[in-house]
Structure formats: structure tokens, C-alpha cells
Amino acid sequence: MSTDRLSTRFAACAAQGRAALVTFVTAGDPDLATSAGILAALPGAGADIIELGMPFTDPMADGPAIQRGNLRSLGAGTTLKALLAMVAEFRQTDAATPIVLMGYFNPILAFGPERFAQAARAAGIDGCIVVDLPPEEAGELVPALSAHGLHLVRLATPTTDAARLPAVLDGASGFLYYVAVAGITGANSAAAADIAAAVTRLKAATPLPIAVGFGVRTPEQAAAIAAHADAVVVGSAIVDAIGAAAEQRANDIPARVAVQVGALAAAVRDARKDHAA
């Protein structure tokens, strides 16, 4: 990979002795112009890596907040082509912040995997997370992404056992996304112990950075995970805030998101110092 933004960013965060903050927003939510403003505001607010949702009519693995974000985006006319154009515009002023597309295989299949990979790379995308594409069914996408230097980020869960993990890791790159679905409450000590144990287990199996997400809403929850993981993913809480601001017809949505992300970033950056203390 000629310019591997993900590896560079994870190395920089590790050198600072901290986890990375990964923020998720749905592209085109609540409309393309506002979404472009949010995207531009995220790095300055403290987002180390951006996950950009590809809007889809049936986001089966997502909760109500992101489902509503998808509907707002699609209602505003967002297409995959428009998403990539927005990223290309972002890249004119930010060549360093990694952007990973997250979503479902159907829009990629409709676009054409090879054409998608070529267009994504040209726009400045660094990788993809395809939620509904297990390793056994990724044969059409993997060669296309690899040919264009794009990472394929895979998902692991508490039910990904030792027998299953090698298949998940085969061909995975960029980082491993641990979906901490089993009762994660953030600051709760048992939950923190579960995350620490899961991160330790995964690190024994792969040199990839481990990002932990799902249900992380507050700075306190983010800090509890950042004490152990290489990255913390926050999505639904941000998408919820975008939706609430859109309902109010607010004209300062990017600024509101920046304040929210700033609080999360501060908590993540201080987490290991606080944990050590």
C-alpha cells in the first residue's frame, strides 16, 4: 500500500501511549452538504479514524439510531457515487485522516466490486467493513480490494471462538473490529474485565490493532475501553445527536458534533493515564 493511513495513524497513537478514537457517521445524514461539514469537522474535534456509513435500505445489524440515519440519508438522495465525491472533496484538505467505509454488500455488488474498489481508492478511501459478508462469501470482493490497496476490516464477537477466529483473520487487514455485544456498560468493572480479556485473547492471535465498539455512548464508557483496546468506536450516540439536531432544524450541526466528539476524544486520550493512576 503506497500510503497506508491506518497503519500510520495507529502507530502515532501508540507512540503517544493512547488508544485511537474511531467515529462513525452515516454519509449524507441528514443531507450531503451538512454531512460534508460534519466530515470536515471530525479530525479537528479529535477523531483519529472515521468510519463512514454507506446508506442502505435494510441495515439489519444496526440499531434504531443508525437505521434512522440511513433513512435520512437516503431520503436526501445520497448515493454511493455522491458519497465518494464527498470523500474526494474532503481529501483536498485532509490527506492524513483514515476513512473506512462501513455498510452492507448489496450497494457494493450493485456498483460492481472491481469498479467500487477502483472508485473508492481514487476518492481516498482506506478500507471497508462489510457487515453482512462473512469470510466464506467474500471471494468476489477480496481480490478487488487487494488489487487497489484497500484494507478489509473484519469483525469478531464474543462468540468468535478459537476454531472460528482463523477464518475471520484470514485476509483481514487494517484493524480487527471487536463487536462487544455481551452486556457492555463501559465503566462497569465486570464489563471492563470482559473487554480486557477479549483484547488479550485477540492480540494473542493477530498483530492487527484491536478496535472495540458497539454501545459505546459516553466519554466514561469510551475511556473504560480505551484503557485496554487499541481503538474505541463510537457511532450511534453521534448519529442520534445528528438526528436530534436535524429535527430541530439546527444550522450548526457540524459544530455540535465537534463538541460531542471533543469530549469523547479527551476521555480516550486520558484513559490510560487515569487507569494507571
Foldseek 3Di string as FASTA:
>chain_A
DVDQLLVVLLVVQVVLVFAAEEEEAEAQVLHNVVSLLLVLLQVVLRHQAYEYEAQDQCQPVDDPLVNVRSVNRVVNPDAPVSSLVSLLVSCVPDLRHAYEYEEACVSCVVCALLNSLVSNLVSRHAAYEHPPAFLVRCVRNLVSNVVSNHFYEFEDEPPCDPVNVVSRPVRHDSAHEYEDPPDQPQQDPVNLVVLQVVLVVVVVVDVGFYEYEDPQAALRSLLSNTLRGNYYYDYSNLSNQSVVCVVVVHPCSSVVSSVRSNSNSVSRSCSNVVVVD
